[in-house]
C-alpha atoms as a PDB file:
ATOM      1  CA  MET A   1      62.442   7.742 -79.533  1.00  0.00           C
ATOM      2  CA  ARG A   2      62.922   7.140 -75.455  1.00  0.00           C
ATOM      3  CA  TYR A   3      59.795   7.445 -73.217  1.00  0.00           C
ATOM      4  CA  GLN A   4      59.558   8.343 -69.844  1.00  0.00           C
ATOM      5  CA  PHE A   5      56.317   7.873 -67.615  1.00  0.00           C
ATOM      6  CA  ALA A   6      54.963   9.844 -64.420  1.00  0.00           C
ATOM      7  CA  PRO A   7      52.071  10.590 -63.052  1.00  0.00           C
ATOM      8  CA  LEU A   8      49.570  12.829 -65.158  1.00  0.00           C
ATOM      9  CA  THR A   9      50.024  16.467 -63.849  1.00  0.00           C
ATOM     10  CA  GLU A  10      46.746  18.539 -64.200  1.00  0.00           C
ATOM     11  CA  GLU A  11      48.067  20.378 -67.439  1.00  0.00           C
ATOM     12  CA  GLN A  12      48.541  16.937 -69.194  1.00  0.00           C
ATOM     13  CA  ALA A  13      45.256  15.609 -68.164  1.00  0.00           C
ATOM     14  CA  ARG A  14      43.856  18.741 -69.611  1.00  0.00           C
ATOM     15  CA  ALA A  15      45.780  18.404 -72.976  1.00  0.00           C
ATOM     16  CA  ILE A  16      44.964  14.623 -73.392  1.00  0.00           C
ATOM     17  CA  GLY A  17      41.218  15.515 -72.638  1.00  0.00           C
ATOM     18  CA  ALA A  18      41.143  17.840 -75.732  1.00  0.00           C
ATOM     19  CA  TRP A  19      42.697  15.191 -77.965  1.00  0.00           C
ATOM     20  CA  ARG A  20      40.265  14.133 -81.133  1.00  0.00           C
ATOM     21  CA  TYR A  21      41.230  11.178 -82.979  1.00  0.00           C
ATOM     22  CA  ASP A  22      39.590  11.212 -86.549  1.00  0.00           C
ATOM     23  CA  PRO A  23      36.801   8.007 -87.165  1.00  0.00           C
ATOM     24  CA  PRO A  24      36.310   5.292 -86.282  1.00  0.00           C
ATOM     25  CA  TYR A  25      38.849   6.175 -83.637  1.00  0.00           C
ATOM     26  CA  ASP A  26      36.863   8.863 -82.268  1.00  0.00           C
ATOM     27  CA  LEU A  27      35.530   6.009 -80.033  1.00  0.00           C
ATOM     28  CA  TYR A  28      38.395   7.033 -77.925  1.00  0.00           C
ATOM     29  CA  ASP A  29      37.883  11.074 -77.443  1.00  0.00           C
ATOM     30  CA  MET A  30      37.777  11.863 -73.720  1.00  0.00           C
ATOM     31  CA  ASP A  31      35.275  14.123 -71.732  1.00  0.00           C
ATOM     32  CA  THR A  32      36.888  17.765 -71.112  1.00  0.00           C
ATOM     33  CA  ASP A  33      34.596  18.127 -67.945  1.00  0.00           C
ATOM     34  CA  GLU A  34      35.636  18.109 -64.916  1.00  0.00           C
ATOM     35  CA  GLU A  35      34.292  14.962 -63.939  1.00  0.00           C
ATOM     36  CA  GLY A  36      36.598  13.422 -66.605  1.00  0.00           C
ATOM     37  CA  LEU A  37      39.545  15.732 -65.306  1.00  0.00           C
ATOM     38  CA  ARG A  38      39.212  14.102 -61.894  1.00  0.00           C
ATOM     39  CA  GLU A  39      38.905  10.649 -63.225  1.00  0.00           C
ATOM     40  CA  LEU A  40      42.407  11.347 -64.839  1.00  0.00           C
ATOM     41  CA  LEU A  41      43.765  12.613 -61.770  1.00  0.00           C
ATOM     42  CA  ASP A  42      42.364   9.735 -59.682  1.00  0.00           C
ATOM     43  CA  GLN A  43      45.486   8.642 -57.599  1.00  0.00           C
ATOM     44  CA  ASP A  44      43.470   5.389 -56.520  1.00  0.00           C
ATOM     45  CA  THR A  45      43.595   4.612 -60.114  1.00  0.00           C
ATOM     46  CA  PRO A  46      46.603   6.754 -61.741  1.00  0.00           C
ATOM     47  CA  TYR A  47      47.148   7.513 -65.217  1.00  0.00           C
ATOM     48  CA  TYR A  48      50.906   7.912 -66.449  1.00  0.00           C
ATOM     49  CA  GLY A  49      51.773  10.763 -68.900  1.00  0.00           C
ATOM     50  CA  ALA A  50      54.643   9.788 -71.535  1.00  0.00           C
ATOM     51  CA  THR A  51      57.227  12.221 -72.530  1.00  0.00           C
ATOM     52  CA  ASP A  52      59.627  12.340 -75.258  1.00  0.00           C
ATOM     53  CA  GLU A  53      63.217  13.161 -75.194  1.00  0.00           C
ATOM     54  CA  ARG A  54      62.283  16.998 -75.276  1.00  0.00           C
ATOM     55  CA  GLY A  55      59.497  16.470 -72.284  1.00  0.00           C
ATOM     56  CA  GLU A  56      56.653  16.721 -74.877  1.00  0.00           C
ATOM     57  CA  LEU A  57      53.869  14.803 -73.870  1.00  0.00           C
ATOM     58  CA  VAL A  58      53.421  11.994 -76.283  1.00  0.00           C
ATOM     59  CA  GLY A  59      50.779   9.216 -74.679  1.00  0.00           C
ATOM     60  CA  PHE A  60      49.860   7.754 -71.621  1.00  0.00           C
ATOM     61  CA  LEU A  61      49.053   4.292 -69.653  1.00  0.00           C
ATOM     62  CA  CYS A  62      46.730   3.493 -67.466  1.00  0.00           C
ATOM     63  CA  PHE A  63      45.762   0.324 -65.584  1.00  0.00           C
ATOM     64  CA  LYS A  64      43.942  -2.097 -63.388  1.00  0.00           C
ATOM     65  CA  THR A  65      40.076  -0.332 -62.944  1.00  0.00           C
ATOM     66  CA  ALA A  66      41.118   2.339 -64.926  1.00  0.00           C
ATOM     67  CA  VAL A  67      40.960   0.162 -68.149  1.00  0.00           C
ATOM     68  CA  GLN A  68      38.039  -2.234 -67.020  1.00  0.00           C
ATOM     69  CA  THR A  69      34.588  -1.702 -68.292  1.00  0.00           C
ATOM     70  CA  LEU A  70      31.271  -2.777 -66.634  1.00  0.00           C
ATOM     71  CA  SER A  71      30.588  -4.693 -69.440  1.00  0.00           C
ATOM     72  CA  GLY A  72      33.351  -6.701 -69.673  1.00  0.00           C
ATOM     73  CA  LEU A  73      33.560  -7.321 -65.839  1.00  0.00           C
ATOM     74  CA  LEU A  74      29.672  -8.840 -66.777  1.00  0.00           C
ATOM     75  CA  ALA A  75      31.128 -10.819 -69.354  1.00  0.00           C
ATOM     76  CA  GLY A  76      33.839 -12.180 -66.956  1.00  0.00           C
ATOM     77  CA  ALA A  77      36.853 -10.875 -68.963  1.00  0.00           C
ATOM     78  CA  TYR A  78      38.648  -9.912 -66.332  1.00  0.00           C
ATOM     79  CA  ALA A  79      38.750 -12.730 -64.336  1.00  0.00           C
ATOM     80  CA  ASP A  80      42.340 -13.737 -63.630  1.00  0.00           C
ATOM     81  CA  PRO A  81      43.240 -11.958 -60.464  1.00  0.00           C
ATOM     82  CA  ASP A  82      47.197 -12.402 -61.650  1.00  0.00           C
ATOM     83  CA  THR A  83      46.895 -10.392 -64.813  1.00  0.00           C
ATOM     84  CA  LEU A  84      47.505  -6.828 -64.905  1.00  0.00           C
ATOM     85  CA  ASP A  85      44.945  -4.719 -67.240  1.00  0.00           C
ATOM     86  CA  ILE A  86      47.008  -1.777 -69.371  1.00  0.00           C
ATOM     87  CA  GLY A  87      45.455   0.860 -71.410  1.00  0.00           C
ATOM     88  CA  LEU A  88      47.580   3.311 -73.554  1.00  0.00           C
ATOM     89  CA  GLY A  89      47.267   5.996 -75.849  1.00  0.00           C
ATOM     90  CA  MET A  90      48.978   8.263 -77.902  1.00  0.00           C
ATOM     91  CA  ARG A  91      48.969  11.743 -79.238  1.00  0.00           C
ATOM     92  CA  PRO A  92      46.451  11.584 -82.276  1.00  0.00           C
ATOM     93  CA  ASP A  93      49.282  13.422 -84.796  1.00  0.00           C
ATOM     94  CA  LEU A  94      51.475  10.573 -83.591  1.00  0.00           C
ATOM     95  CA  THR A  95      49.068   7.627 -84.535  1.00  0.00           C
ATOM     96  CA  GLY A  96      49.647   5.775 -87.846  1.00  0.00           C
ATOM     97  CA  ARG A  97      53.471   6.455 -87.830  1.00  0.00           C
ATOM     98  CA  GLY A  98      54.863   3.141 -87.258  1.00  0.00           C
ATOM     99  CA  LEU A  99      55.848   4.361 -83.543  1.00  0.00           C
ATOM    100  CA  GLY A 100      53.228   1.919 -81.483  1.00  0.00           C
ATOM    101  CA  LEU A 101      55.198  -1.074 -81.405  1.00  0.00           C
ATOM    102  CA  ASP A 102      58.062   0.793 -79.463  1.00  0.00           C
ATOM    103  CA  PHE A 103      55.652   2.718 -77.523  1.00  0.00           C
ATOM    104  CA  MET A 104      53.803  -0.396 -76.553  1.00  0.00           C
ATOM    105  CA  ASN A 105      57.440  -2.400 -75.435  1.00  0.00           C
ATOM    106  CA  ALA A 106      58.354   0.697 -73.153  1.00  0.00           C
ATOM    107  CA  GLY A 107      55.324   0.915 -71.749  1.00  0.00           C
ATOM    108  CA  LEU A 108      55.182  -3.302 -70.812  1.00  0.00           C
ATOM    109  CA  ALA A 109      58.574  -2.608 -69.184  1.00  0.00           C
ATOM    110  CA  PHE A 110      57.416   0.035 -67.351  1.00  0.00           C
ATOM    111  CA  ALA A 111      54.196  -1.825 -65.982  1.00  0.00           C
ATOM    112  CA  ARG A 112      56.403  -4.947 -65.486  1.00  0.00           C
ATOM    113  CA  GLU A 113      59.155  -2.630 -63.100  1.00  0.00           C
ATOM    114  CA  THR A 114      56.034  -1.124 -61.280  1.00  0.00           C
ATOM    115  CA  PHE A 115      53.579  -3.842 -60.954  1.00  0.00           C
ATOM    116  CA  HIS A 116      55.397  -6.982 -60.985  1.00  0.00           C
ATOM    117  CA  PRO A 117      52.153  -8.856 -62.812  1.00  0.00           C
ATOM    118  CA  ALA A 118      52.053 -12.818 -64.145  1.00  0.00           C
ATOM    119  CA  SER A 119      50.580 -11.309 -67.583  1.00  0.00           C
ATOM    120  CA  PHE A 120      49.118  -8.406 -69.043  1.00  0.00           C
ATOM    121  CA  ARG A 121      45.840  -8.203 -70.399  1.00  0.00           C
ATOM    122  CA  LEU A 122      44.669  -5.404 -73.211  1.00  0.00           C
ATOM    123  CA  SER A 123      41.237  -4.830 -74.580  1.00  0.00           C
ATOM    124  CA  VAL A 124      40.734  -3.842 -78.009  1.00  0.00           C
ATOM    125  CA  ALA A 125      37.888  -2.799 -80.336  1.00  0.00           C
ATOM    126  CA  ALA A 126      37.315  -5.221 -83.080  1.00  0.00           C
ATOM    127  CA  PHE A 127      37.624  -2.869 -85.570  1.00  0.00           C
ATOM    128  CA  ASN A 128      40.877  -1.348 -84.232  1.00  0.00           C
ATOM    129  CA  ASP A 129      43.143  -3.343 -87.213  1.00  0.00           C
ATOM    130  CA  ARG A 130      45.901  -1.028 -86.308  1.00  0.00           C
ATOM    131  CA  ALA A 131      46.260  -1.539 -82.682  1.00  0.00           C
ATOM    132  CA  ILE A 132      45.755  -4.885 -83.095  1.00  0.00           C
ATOM    133  CA  LYS A 133      48.598  -5.434 -85.549  1.00  0.00           C
ATOM    134  CA  VAL A 134      51.123  -3.732 -82.717  1.00  0.00           C
ATOM    135  CA  TYR A 135      49.499  -5.871 -80.130  1.00  0.00           C
ATOM    136  CA  LYS A 136      50.165  -9.137 -82.193  1.00  0.00           C
ATOM    137  CA  ARG A 137      53.943  -8.168 -82.829  1.00  0.00           C
ATOM    138  CA  ALA A 138      54.161  -7.736 -79.018  1.00  0.00           C
ATOM    139  CA  GLY A 139      53.252 -11.280 -78.564  1.00  0.00           C
ATOM    140  CA  PHE A 140      49.680 -10.784 -77.627  1.00  0.00           C
ATOM    141  CA  GLN A 141      46.830 -13.382 -78.084  1.00  0.00           C
ATOM    142  CA  PRO A 142      42.884 -13.510 -78.224  1.00  0.00           C
ATOM    143  CA  GLY A 143      41.008 -13.965 -75.040  1.00  0.00           C
ATOM    144  CA  HIS A 144      37.057 -13.248 -74.121  1.00  0.00           C
ATOM    145  CA  THR A 145      35.083 -11.162 -76.492  1.00  0.00           C
ATOM    146  CA  PHE A 146      32.571  -8.777 -75.367  1.00  0.00           C
ATOM    147  CA  THR A 147      29.919  -5.894 -76.297  1.00  0.00           C
ATOM    148  CA  HIS A 148      30.644  -2.808 -75.108  1.00  0.00           C
ATOM    149  CA  THR A 149      28.294   0.481 -75.373  1.00  0.00           C
ATOM    150  CA  ALA A 150      29.982   3.589 -74.987  1.00  0.00           C
ATOM    151  CA  HIS A 151      29.093   7.311 -75.015  1.00  0.00           C
ATOM    152  CA  THR A 152      31.748   9.740 -76.300  1.00  0.00           C
ATOM    153  CA  PRO A 153      32.239  13.682 -76.576  1.00  0.00           C
ATOM    154  CA  ARG A 154      30.952  13.410 -80.099  1.00  0.00           C
ATOM    155  CA  ALA A 155      28.543  10.187 -80.239  1.00  0.00           C
ATOM    156  CA  THR A 156      26.173   8.379 -77.875  1.00  0.00           C
ATOM    157  CA  ASN A 157      25.290   5.096 -77.600  1.00  0.00           C
ATOM    158  CA  GLY A 158      27.701   3.300 -80.240  1.00  0.00           C
ATOM    159  CA  VAL A 159      27.728  -0.262 -79.632  1.00  0.00           C
ATOM    160  CA  TYR A 160      31.011  -2.320 -80.365  1.00  0.00           C
ATOM    161  CA  GLU A 161      32.677  -5.426 -80.366  1.00  0.00           C
ATOM    162  CA  PHE A 162      35.545  -5.634 -77.736  1.00  0.00           C
ATOM    163  CA  MET A 163      38.191  -8.337 -77.280  1.00  0.00           C
ATOM    164  CA  THR A 164      40.530  -8.866 -74.537  1.00  0.00           C
ATOM    165  CA  ILE A 165      44.126 -10.010 -75.785  1.00  0.00           C
ATOM    166  CA  VAL A 166      46.999 -11.188 -72.914  1.00  0.00           C
ATOM    167  CA  ARG A 167      50.500 -12.093 -73.172  1.00  0.00           C
ATOM    168  CA  ALA A 168      52.929 -13.056 -70.198  1.00  0.00           C
ATOM    169  CA  ALA A 169      54.632 -10.429 -68.625  1.00  0.00           C
ATOM    170  CA  ILE A 170      58.070 -12.082 -69.421  1.00  0.00           C
ATOM    171  CA  ASP A 171      61.263  -9.798 -70.622  1.00  0.00           C
ATOM    172  CA  ARG A 172      61.682 -10.937 -74.362  1.00  0.00           C
ATOM    173  CA  LYS A 173      64.794  -9.319 -74.438  1.00  0.00           C
ATOM    174  CA  ARG A 174      65.979 -12.496 -72.000  1.00  0.00           C
ATOM    175  CA  LEU A 175      64.192 -15.385 -73.962  1.00  0.00           C
ATOM    176  CA  GLY A 176      65.970 -14.036 -77.426  1.00  0.00           C
ATOM    177  CA  CYS A 177      62.538 -11.995 -78.581  1.00  0.00           C
ATOM    178  CA  VAL A 178      60.259 -15.335 -78.617  1.00  0.00           C
ATOM    179  CA  SER A 179      56.975 -13.885 -80.135  1.00  0.00           C
ATOM    180  CA  PHE A 180      53.708 -15.460 -80.428  1.00  0.00           C
ATOM    181  CA  GLU A 181      51.883 -16.694 -83.599  1.00  0.00           C
ATOM    182  CA  TRP A 182      47.950 -15.759 -82.957  1.00  0.00           C
ATOM    183  CA  GLY A 183      45.813 -18.755 -82.711  1.00  0.00           C
ATOM    184  CA  LEU A 184      48.791 -20.885 -82.908  1.00  0.00           C
ATOM    185  CA  ALA A 185      51.380 -22.473 -80.245  1.00  0.00           C
ATOM    186  CA  LEU A 186      54.954 -20.836 -79.533  1.00  0.00           C
ATOM    187  CA  THR A 187      56.965 -19.907 -82.261  1.00  0.00           C
ATOM    188  CA  PRO A 188      60.476 -18.508 -81.968  1.00  0.00           C
ATOM    189  CA  ARG A 189      60.974 -15.684 -83.722  1.00  0.00           C
ATOM    190  CA  PRO A 190      64.459 -14.341 -83.774  1.00  0.00           C
ATOM    191  CA  ALA A 191      64.317 -11.329 -85.961  1.00  0.00           C
ATOM    192  CA  LEU A 192      61.456  -9.525 -83.556  1.00  0.00           C
ATOM    193  CA  ARG A 193      62.277  -6.142 -82.576  1.00  0.00           C
ATOM    194  CA  CYS A 194      62.464  -5.111 -79.149  1.00  0.00           C
ATOM    195  CA  GLY A 195      62.547  -1.404 -78.525  1.00  0.00           C
ATOM    196  CA  PRO A 196      61.777   0.543 -75.550  1.00  0.00           C
ATOM    197  CA  ALA A 197      57.904   0.232 -75.220  1.00  0.00           C
ATOM    198  CA  PRO A 198      40.173   1.002 -71.201  1.00  0.00           C
ATOM    199  CA  ARG A 199      38.597   2.073 -67.164  1.00  0.00           C
ATOM    200  CA  LEU A 200      35.879   1.121 -65.329  1.00  0.00           C
ATOM    201  CA  ARG A 201      34.523   4.564 -65.453  1.00  0.00           C
ATOM    202  CA  ARG A 202      31.524   4.772 -63.196  1.00  0.00           C
ATOM    203  CA  ARG A 203      30.412   7.837 -61.347  1.00  0.00           C
ATOM    204  CA  SER A 204      29.872   7.470 -57.585  1.00  0.00           C
ATOM    205  CA  ASP A 205      25.601   7.422 -57.567  1.00  0.00           C
ATOM    206  CA  GLN A 206      25.821   4.966 -60.750  1.00  0.00           C
ATOM    207  CA  PRO A 207      24.833   1.269 -59.943  1.00  0.00           C
ATOM    208  CA  LEU A 208      26.426  -1.664 -60.759  1.00  0.00           C
ATOM    209  CA  PRO A 209      23.925  -2.536 -63.707  1.00  0.00           C
ATOM    210  CA  CYS A 210      21.914  -6.135 -63.501  1.00  0.00           C
ATOM    211  CA  ALA A 211      23.570  -9.160 -66.008  1.00  0.00           C
ATOM    212  CA  GLY A 212      22.886  -8.362 -69.369  1.00  0.00           C
ATOM    213  CA  GLU A 213      22.935  -4.346 -68.762  1.00  0.00           C
ATOM    214  CA  GLY A 214      26.269  -2.242 -68.714  1.00  0.00           C
ATOM    215  CA  GLU A 215      24.827   0.080 -71.490  1.00  0.00           C
ATOM    216  CA  GLY A 216      25.706   4.167 -71.455  1.00  0.00           C
ATOM    217  CA  GLU A 217      29.387   3.243 -70.460  1.00  0.00           C
ATOM    218  CA  GLU A 218      32.099   5.495 -71.326  1.00  0.00           C
ATOM    219  CA  PRO A 219      34.853   4.633 -73.477  1.00  0.00           C
ATOM    220  CA  PHE A 220      37.937   3.084 -71.915  1.00  0.00           C
ATOM    221  CA  ASN A 221      41.613   3.012 -73.257  1.00  0.00           C
ATOM    222  CA  GLU A 222      42.792   0.081 -74.791  1.00  0.00           C
ATOM    223  CA  GLY A 223      45.260   1.327 -77.357  1.00  0.00           C
ATOM    224  CA  ARG A 224      45.211   4.789 -79.439  1.00  0.00           C
ATOM    225  CA  LEU A 225      48.260   3.651 -82.121  1.00  0.00           C
END
């Protein structure tokens, strides 16, 4: 599958707001109210829709503060200014079908050409083994951990363990598809496939919490694969 990325239209934003994932991935369900829609269409922290060869919406990307959370900020998880935070999600009916790595690689290629970062950073729920497997194959290694308290359309005050994972923003094709072994030194792996490859959601009247707080946040977009 080939992917194209462009800023979300209002129609696409409404469609994404209606996506619902099976538990436990319903952590990533979005609000469909007007405030949630404005956040998806905010040009200061834009979301990008991903479409396939037929022009159908299959996923999205988001970057920078659109991915970050208050609890992650308080934990120092986003301290490196040269690292680009990236979030992504696929349409619920496409998840769990082995499409994640190609979508991931396409998203990284788009981010590399658009933002020219030194490195990439994702935040992922510790229980999300499905996404973590994809990120390992894409060359990410673990970084910080923090606790995130989320409100979702179907649940409130869920407490989740999250971790950031990072990798250099290099073109792996030029390097012969060098990959990382998680927790180990860099190791060349010639057979790795190199195909086409959540948000500081704070209402304007919500103050930044004191250290040790960060509760009641809405979920952010760290990878629905």
